Amino acid sequence: MLKVIYLVGLFLIVAALSYIAEQRKPPLPPDYEEEFIILDGERLKPFCFGLEGLVADYYWMQTLQYFGKKILDAKSRDQAINIEDLRALNPKMLYPLLENVVSFDPKFTDAYLFASLVLPTVDTEKAIELAERGIKNSPEDWRLYHYLGFIYWKKGDYEKASEIYERGSLVEDAPPFMKMMSAKLKVEGGSRSVAREIYKRMYDESNSAQIKESIELRLLWIDALDEMDVIRQALNNYKQRTGACVRNWQELIAELKRMPQARSLRIKDAVYDPSGVAYKLDTESCDVSLDQEKTKLPLR
């Protein structure tokens, strides 16, 4: 009980000092983006007296709130968000926050998963560093090899990713998935089937709603790539038959209805991507693309 009172007291003192500093801070330039100060988790650990898990949960909530605020602020400015490249959001405190989470709880699996999923879109080397730290702390957890292999896969280093999955497959209780992914990466590399397998597994492993939502968008993005392939095939079929590109969605929809593989498409007045936004039809180049300004899906 004394430990809890002690820790609560520390938090209250920090909150009070933060309030005083906020009231007395000097005027800041309008283009200055203020970030909160994060204390070094390794230095704080000796003062937690067995409550490291509670502090890790605190920093985990801070991480999600910080990242969520970055997204909301960007949306409020009508800033396009590409979840495959978040450098424009300037989330410079993301790594320190995640580092604090795993400093207090080295086995905080969702923190490693979040780091492997989001951090590479900001700083790949920091993501690798954190994932390797996880493996060092818990070499018996095959999931950490999965996360590190994922980062190398995103980086395009399929040989290294395959090697990591192979190492993870040797861990006790590792599922056959790890061995399978090692083999698939050697043959298929950056294929969509590999991407689906990896993302689906990461989705199943997470307990965080925010992480699952992010992974769902990536899976829907892969679906969109497949759908655009079908639409391009219809565009090509029409051009071969008529000698010209379609002039509008109505002509293309009529062509799509001839194709069995188009039955799963969301067809109304146009064809809609998995996030509910109409694809962009280019009648000059006979091509189709995601609407970059409206779609919720990742862009490449």
Protein backbone atom coordinates (compact mmCIF):
# COMPACT_ATOMS: atom_id res chain seq x y z
CA MET A 1 0.00 0.00 0.00
CA LEU A 2 2.85 2.36 0.84
CA LYS A 3 4.32 1.74 -2.62
CA VAL A 4 1.07 2.81 -4.27
CA ILE A 5 0.84 5.95 -2.12
CA TYR A 6 4.48 6.75 -2.92
CA LEU A 7 3.97 6.38 -6.67
CA VAL A 8 0.74 8.37 -6.68
CA GLY A 9 2.53 11.08 -4.74
CA LEU A 10 5.29 11.19 -7.35
CA PHE A 11 2.75 11.54 -10.16
CA LEU A 12 0.97 14.36 -8.29
CA ILE A 13 4.25 16.21 -7.78
CA VAL A 14 5.13 15.87 -11.47
CA ALA A 15 1.65 17.06 -12.45
CA ALA A 16 1.92 20.08 -10.14
CA LEU A 17 5.36 21.04 -11.46
CA SER A 18 4.12 20.64 -15.04
CA TYR A 19 1.19 22.99 -14.30
CA ILE A 20 3.47 25.62 -12.78
CA ALA A 21 5.86 25.39 -15.74
CA GLU A 22 2.92 25.71 -18.14
CA GLN A 23 1.70 28.88 -16.41
CA ARG A 24 5.14 30.50 -16.34
CA LYS A 25 6.55 29.49 -19.70
CA PRO A 26 7.73 32.34 -21.96
CA PRO A 27 5.98 33.12 -25.26
CA LEU A 28 6.94 30.70 -28.01
CA PRO A 29 7.33 31.33 -31.75
CA PRO A 30 4.13 30.51 -33.68
CA ASP A 31 5.86 27.80 -35.71
CA TYR A 32 7.24 26.05 -32.62
CA GLU A 33 5.76 22.63 -31.98
CA GLU A 34 5.91 21.96 -28.28
CA GLU A 35 6.46 18.39 -27.09
CA PHE A 36 6.21 17.15 -23.53
CA ILE A 37 9.32 16.10 -21.66
CA ILE A 38 9.78 12.37 -21.20
CA LEU A 39 11.86 11.13 -18.28
CA ASP A 40 14.33 8.32 -18.93
CA GLY A 41 12.64 5.07 -17.95
CA GLU A 42 15.88 3.32 -17.06
CA ARG A 43 16.68 6.03 -14.51
CA LEU A 44 13.18 5.95 -13.04
CA LYS A 45 13.04 2.18 -12.55
CA PRO A 46 14.87 2.11 -9.19
CA PHE A 47 12.16 4.36 -7.72
CA CYS A 48 9.17 2.22 -8.78
CA PHE A 49 9.44 -0.33 -5.96
CA GLY A 50 7.84 -3.22 -7.82
CA LEU A 51 5.25 -1.14 -9.70
CA GLU A 52 7.05 -1.24 -13.05
CA GLY A 53 4.06 -2.83 -14.77
CA LEU A 54 1.79 0.01 -13.72
CA VAL A 55 4.25 2.62 -14.98
CA ALA A 56 4.63 0.70 -18.28
CA ASP A 57 0.84 0.83 -18.71
CA TYR A 58 0.94 4.58 -18.04
CA TYR A 59 3.56 5.17 -20.73
CA TRP A 60 1.68 2.86 -23.11
CA MET A 61 -1.43 5.01 -22.76
CA GLN A 62 0.75 8.11 -23.27
CA THR A 63 2.12 6.54 -26.46
CA LEU A 64 -1.33 5.85 -27.91
CA GLN A 65 -2.63 9.28 -26.92
CA TYR A 66 0.41 11.03 -28.36
CA PHE A 67 0.18 9.18 -31.66
CA GLY A 68 -3.60 9.59 -31.82
CA LYS A 69 -3.28 13.33 -31.25
CA LYS A 70 -0.76 13.57 -34.09
CA ILE A 71 -3.27 11.93 -36.43
CA LEU A 72 -6.18 14.10 -35.26
CA ASP A 73 -4.14 17.31 -35.56
CA ALA A 74 -3.18 16.39 -39.12
CA LYS A 75 -6.82 15.70 -40.00
CA SER A 76 -7.89 19.02 -38.49
CA ARG A 77 -5.45 20.72 -40.88
CA ASP A 78 -6.80 18.62 -43.79
CA GLN A 79 -3.33 17.13 -44.10
CA ALA A 80 -3.17 13.94 -46.16
CA ILE A 81 -2.05 11.00 -44.02
CA ASN A 82 -0.13 8.12 -45.53
CA ILE A 83 0.15 5.47 -42.82
CA GLU A 84 3.05 3.95 -44.74
CA ASP A 85 5.06 7.17 -44.31
CA LEU A 86 4.33 9.19 -41.17
CA ARG A 87 7.41 11.42 -41.20
CA ALA A 88 5.26 14.41 -42.14
CA LEU A 89 3.56 14.13 -38.73
CA ASN A 90 6.95 14.64 -37.03
CA PRO A 91 6.23 12.18 -34.17
CA LYS A 92 9.65 12.71 -32.64
CA MET A 93 8.60 11.55 -29.16
CA LEU A 94 7.22 8.21 -30.38
CA TYR A 95 10.46 6.28 -29.93
CA PRO A 96 11.26 7.67 -26.44
CA LEU A 97 7.74 6.81 -25.27
CA LEU A 98 7.92 3.27 -26.61
CA GLU A 99 11.39 2.87 -25.15
CA ASN A 100 10.04 3.79 -21.73
CA VAL A 101 7.22 1.25 -22.03
CA VAL A 102 9.62 -1.63 -22.65
CA SER A 103 12.13 -0.30 -20.11
CA PHE A 104 9.56 -0.78 -17.37
CA ASP A 105 8.11 -3.97 -18.88
CA PRO A 106 10.54 -5.74 -21.27
CA LYS A 107 7.82 -8.28 -22.13
CA PHE A 108 5.17 -5.73 -23.22
CA THR A 109 4.30 -7.50 -26.48
CA ASP A 110 1.85 -4.92 -27.85
CA ALA A 111 4.48 -2.20 -27.50
CA TYR A 112 6.91 -4.19 -29.65
CA LEU A 113 4.15 -4.90 -32.17
CA PHE A 114 3.16 -1.23 -32.33
CA ALA A 115 6.82 -0.27 -32.70
CA SER A 116 7.34 -2.72 -35.58
CA LEU A 117 4.17 -1.56 -37.31
CA VAL A 118 4.42 2.22 -36.93
CA LEU A 119 8.03 3.13 -36.14
CA PRO A 120 9.45 1.95 -39.52
CA THR A 121 7.28 4.60 -41.20
CA VAL A 122 9.28 7.18 -39.23
CA ASP A 123 12.69 5.66 -38.49
CA THR A 124 13.47 2.11 -39.62
CA GLU A 125 16.73 1.84 -37.70
CA LYS A 126 15.06 2.81 -34.43
CA ALA A 127 12.37 0.20 -35.11
CA ILE A 128 15.03 -2.47 -35.65
CA GLU A 129 16.85 -1.38 -32.51
CA LEU A 130 13.70 -1.74 -30.40
CA ALA A 131 12.77 -5.12 -31.92
CA GLU A 132 16.28 -6.48 -31.34
CA ARG A 133 16.07 -5.27 -27.77
CA GLY A 134 12.87 -7.27 -27.37
CA ILE A 135 14.55 -10.44 -28.62
CA LYS A 136 17.47 -9.85 -26.26
CA ASN A 137 15.09 -9.51 -23.30
CA SER A 138 12.82 -12.43 -24.30
CA PRO A 139 14.65 -14.79 -26.69
CA GLU A 140 12.05 -17.45 -25.93
CA ASP A 141 9.20 -15.41 -27.48
CA TRP A 142 8.89 -16.29 -31.19
CA ARG A 143 6.59 -13.31 -31.79
CA LEU A 144 9.49 -10.90 -31.36
CA TYR A 145 11.32 -12.58 -34.25
CA HIS A 146 8.12 -12.17 -36.27
CA TYR A 147 8.10 -8.42 -35.56
CA LEU A 148 11.77 -7.99 -36.45
CA GLY A 149 11.32 -10.07 -39.62
CA PHE A 150 8.38 -7.85 -40.54
CA ILE A 151 10.55 -4.71 -40.29
CA TYR A 152 13.18 -6.16 -42.59
CA TRP A 153 10.42 -7.26 -44.99
CA LYS A 154 9.06 -3.69 -45.04
CA LYS A 155 12.60 -2.47 -45.64
CA GLY A 156 12.81 -4.72 -48.72
CA ASP A 157 15.57 -6.88 -47.28
CA TYR A 158 13.82 -10.19 -47.94
CA GLU A 159 16.93 -12.29 -47.39
CA LYS A 160 17.44 -10.87 -43.90
CA ALA A 161 13.73 -11.16 -43.14
CA SER A 162 13.80 -14.82 -44.17
CA GLU A 163 16.79 -15.39 -41.91
CA ILE A 164 14.99 -13.80 -38.93
CA TYR A 165 11.87 -15.92 -39.49
CA GLU A 166 14.07 -19.00 -39.72
CA ARG A 167 15.66 -18.14 -36.37
CA GLY A 168 12.23 -17.59 -34.86
CA SER A 169 11.01 -20.95 -36.17
CA LEU A 170 13.62 -22.66 -33.98
CA VAL A 171 12.18 -21.18 -30.79
CA GLU A 172 10.21 -23.62 -28.67
CA ASP A 173 6.45 -23.53 -29.40
CA ALA A 174 6.95 -21.40 -32.54
CA PRO A 175 4.05 -22.06 -34.97
CA PRO A 176 4.60 -23.56 -38.46
CA PHE A 177 3.84 -20.07 -39.78
CA MET A 178 7.40 -18.96 -38.97
CA LYS A 179 9.02 -21.69 -41.07
CA MET A 180 6.50 -21.13 -43.85
CA MET A 181 7.23 -17.38 -43.96
CA SER A 182 10.97 -17.99 -44.08
CA ALA A 183 10.49 -20.15 -47.17
CA LYS A 184 7.93 -17.82 -48.82
CA LEU A 185 10.18 -14.80 -48.40
CA LYS A 186 12.98 -16.57 -50.26
CA VAL A 187 10.67 -17.26 -53.21
CA GLU A 188 8.07 -14.48 -53.23
CA GLY A 189 9.77 -11.62 -51.40
CA GLY A 190 7.45 -8.61 -51.47
CA SER A 191 4.41 -10.36 -52.92
CA ARG A 192 0.92 -9.53 -51.74
CA SER A 193 0.34 -13.06 -50.48
CA VAL A 194 3.33 -12.65 -48.16
CA ALA A 195 1.98 -9.29 -47.01
CA ARG A 196 -1.43 -10.78 -46.24
CA GLU A 197 0.06 -13.63 -44.23
CA ILE A 198 2.21 -11.28 -42.17
CA TYR A 199 -0.51 -8.71 -41.47
CA LYS A 200 -3.13 -11.32 -40.62
CA ARG A 201 -0.80 -12.92 -38.11
CA MET A 202 0.01 -9.55 -36.54
CA TYR A 203 -3.69 -8.77 -36.32
CA ASP A 204 -4.40 -12.02 -34.48
CA GLU A 205 -1.54 -11.40 -32.03
CA SER A 206 -2.58 -7.92 -30.92
CA ASN A 207 -4.91 -6.99 -28.07
CA SER A 208 -4.91 -3.30 -28.97
CA ALA A 209 -7.91 -1.92 -30.88
CA GLN A 210 -5.77 0.88 -32.32
CA ILE A 211 -3.18 -1.56 -33.65
CA LYS A 212 -5.87 -3.81 -35.12
CA GLU A 213 -7.44 -0.82 -36.87
CA SER A 214 -4.10 0.10 -38.43
CA ILE A 215 -3.53 -3.47 -39.62
CA GLU A 216 -7.07 -3.67 -41.03
CA LEU A 217 -6.33 -0.63 -43.21
CA ARG A 218 -3.21 -2.33 -44.55
CA LEU A 219 -5.15 -5.51 -45.34
CA LEU A 220 -7.82 -3.45 -47.11
CA TRP A 221 -5.08 -1.66 -49.04
CA ILE A 222 -3.82 -5.02 -50.32
CA ASP A 223 -7.41 -5.84 -51.35
CA ALA A 224 -7.52 -2.53 -53.22
CA LEU A 225 -4.37 -3.42 -55.15
CA ASP A 226 -6.01 -6.67 -56.26
CA GLU A 227 -9.18 -4.83 -57.20
CA MET A 228 -7.30 -2.28 -59.29
CA ASP A 229 -5.68 -5.16 -61.17
CA VAL A 230 -9.16 -6.41 -62.11
CA ILE A 231 -10.24 -2.92 -63.15
CA ARG A 232 -7.11 -2.50 -65.28
CA GLN A 233 -7.85 -5.81 -66.96
CA ALA A 234 -11.33 -4.53 -67.81
CA LEU A 235 -9.84 -1.31 -69.16
CA ASN A 236 -7.46 -3.31 -71.32
CA ASN A 237 -10.23 -5.61 -72.57
CA TYR A 238 -12.36 -2.64 -73.58
CA LYS A 239 -9.49 -0.95 -75.39
CA GLN A 240 -8.57 -4.11 -77.29
CA ARG A 241 -12.18 -4.57 -78.40
CA THR A 242 -12.96 -0.97 -79.32
CA GLY A 243 -9.57 0.57 -79.99
CA ALA A 244 -10.17 3.34 -77.44
CA CYS A 245 -10.21 3.89 -73.71
CA VAL A 246 -13.49 3.99 -71.83
CA ARG A 247 -15.02 7.45 -71.62
CA ASN A 248 -16.80 7.06 -68.28
CA TRP A 249 -17.62 4.70 -65.44
CA GLN A 250 -20.77 3.45 -67.16
CA GLU A 251 -18.79 1.98 -70.04
CA LEU A 252 -16.28 0.44 -67.68
CA ILE A 253 -18.96 -1.04 -65.40
CA ALA A 254 -20.57 -2.70 -68.41
CA GLU A 255 -17.18 -4.24 -69.22
CA LEU A 256 -16.62 -5.35 -65.62
CA LYS A 257 -19.94 -7.18 -65.60
CA ARG A 258 -18.55 -9.45 -68.29
CA MET A 259 -15.78 -10.59 -65.94
CA PRO A 260 -16.46 -13.24 -63.21
CA GLN A 261 -13.54 -11.98 -61.09
CA ALA A 262 -15.23 -8.57 -60.84
CA ARG A 263 -18.25 -9.88 -58.92
CA SER A 264 -16.75 -8.98 -55.55
CA LEU A 265 -16.18 -5.33 -56.50
CA ARG A 266 -18.28 -2.59 -54.88
CA ILE A 267 -20.02 -1.29 -57.99
CA LYS A 268 -22.59 1.52 -57.90
CA ASP A 269 -22.28 4.62 -60.07
CA ALA A 270 -18.54 3.94 -59.93
CA VAL A 271 -16.29 1.30 -58.37
CA TYR A 272 -15.48 1.98 -54.73
CA ASP A 273 -12.35 1.07 -52.81
CA PRO A 274 -12.57 -0.90 -49.53
CA SER A 275 -12.74 2.31 -47.48
CA GLY A 276 -15.86 3.41 -49.39
CA VAL A 277 -14.23 6.01 -51.64
CA ALA A 278 -14.59 5.81 -55.44
CA TYR A 279 -11.47 4.90 -57.36
CA LYS A 280 -10.13 7.57 -59.71
CA LEU A 281 -10.61 6.69 -63.37
CA ASP A 282 -8.13 8.18 -65.83
CA THR A 283 -9.72 8.06 -69.28
CA GLU A 284 -6.61 9.53 -70.90
CA SER A 285 -4.13 6.87 -69.81
CA CYS A 286 -6.71 4.08 -69.36
CA ASP A 287 -5.73 3.57 -65.74
CA VAL A 288 -7.23 3.57 -62.26
CA SER A 289 -5.88 4.69 -58.90
CA LEU A 290 -6.85 5.41 -55.31
CA ASP A 291 -8.20 8.88 -54.62
CA GLN A 292 -5.27 10.21 -52.59
CA GLU A 293 -7.24 13.07 -51.06
CA LYS A 294 -10.20 11.01 -49.83
CA THR A 295 -9.24 7.38 -49.34
CA LYS A 296 -8.42 6.10 -45.85
CA LEU A 297 -6.12 3.45 -47.23
CA PRO A 298 -2.30 3.58 -47.21
CA LEU A 299 -0.73 4.94 -50.38
CA ARG A 300 2.44 3.96 -52.20
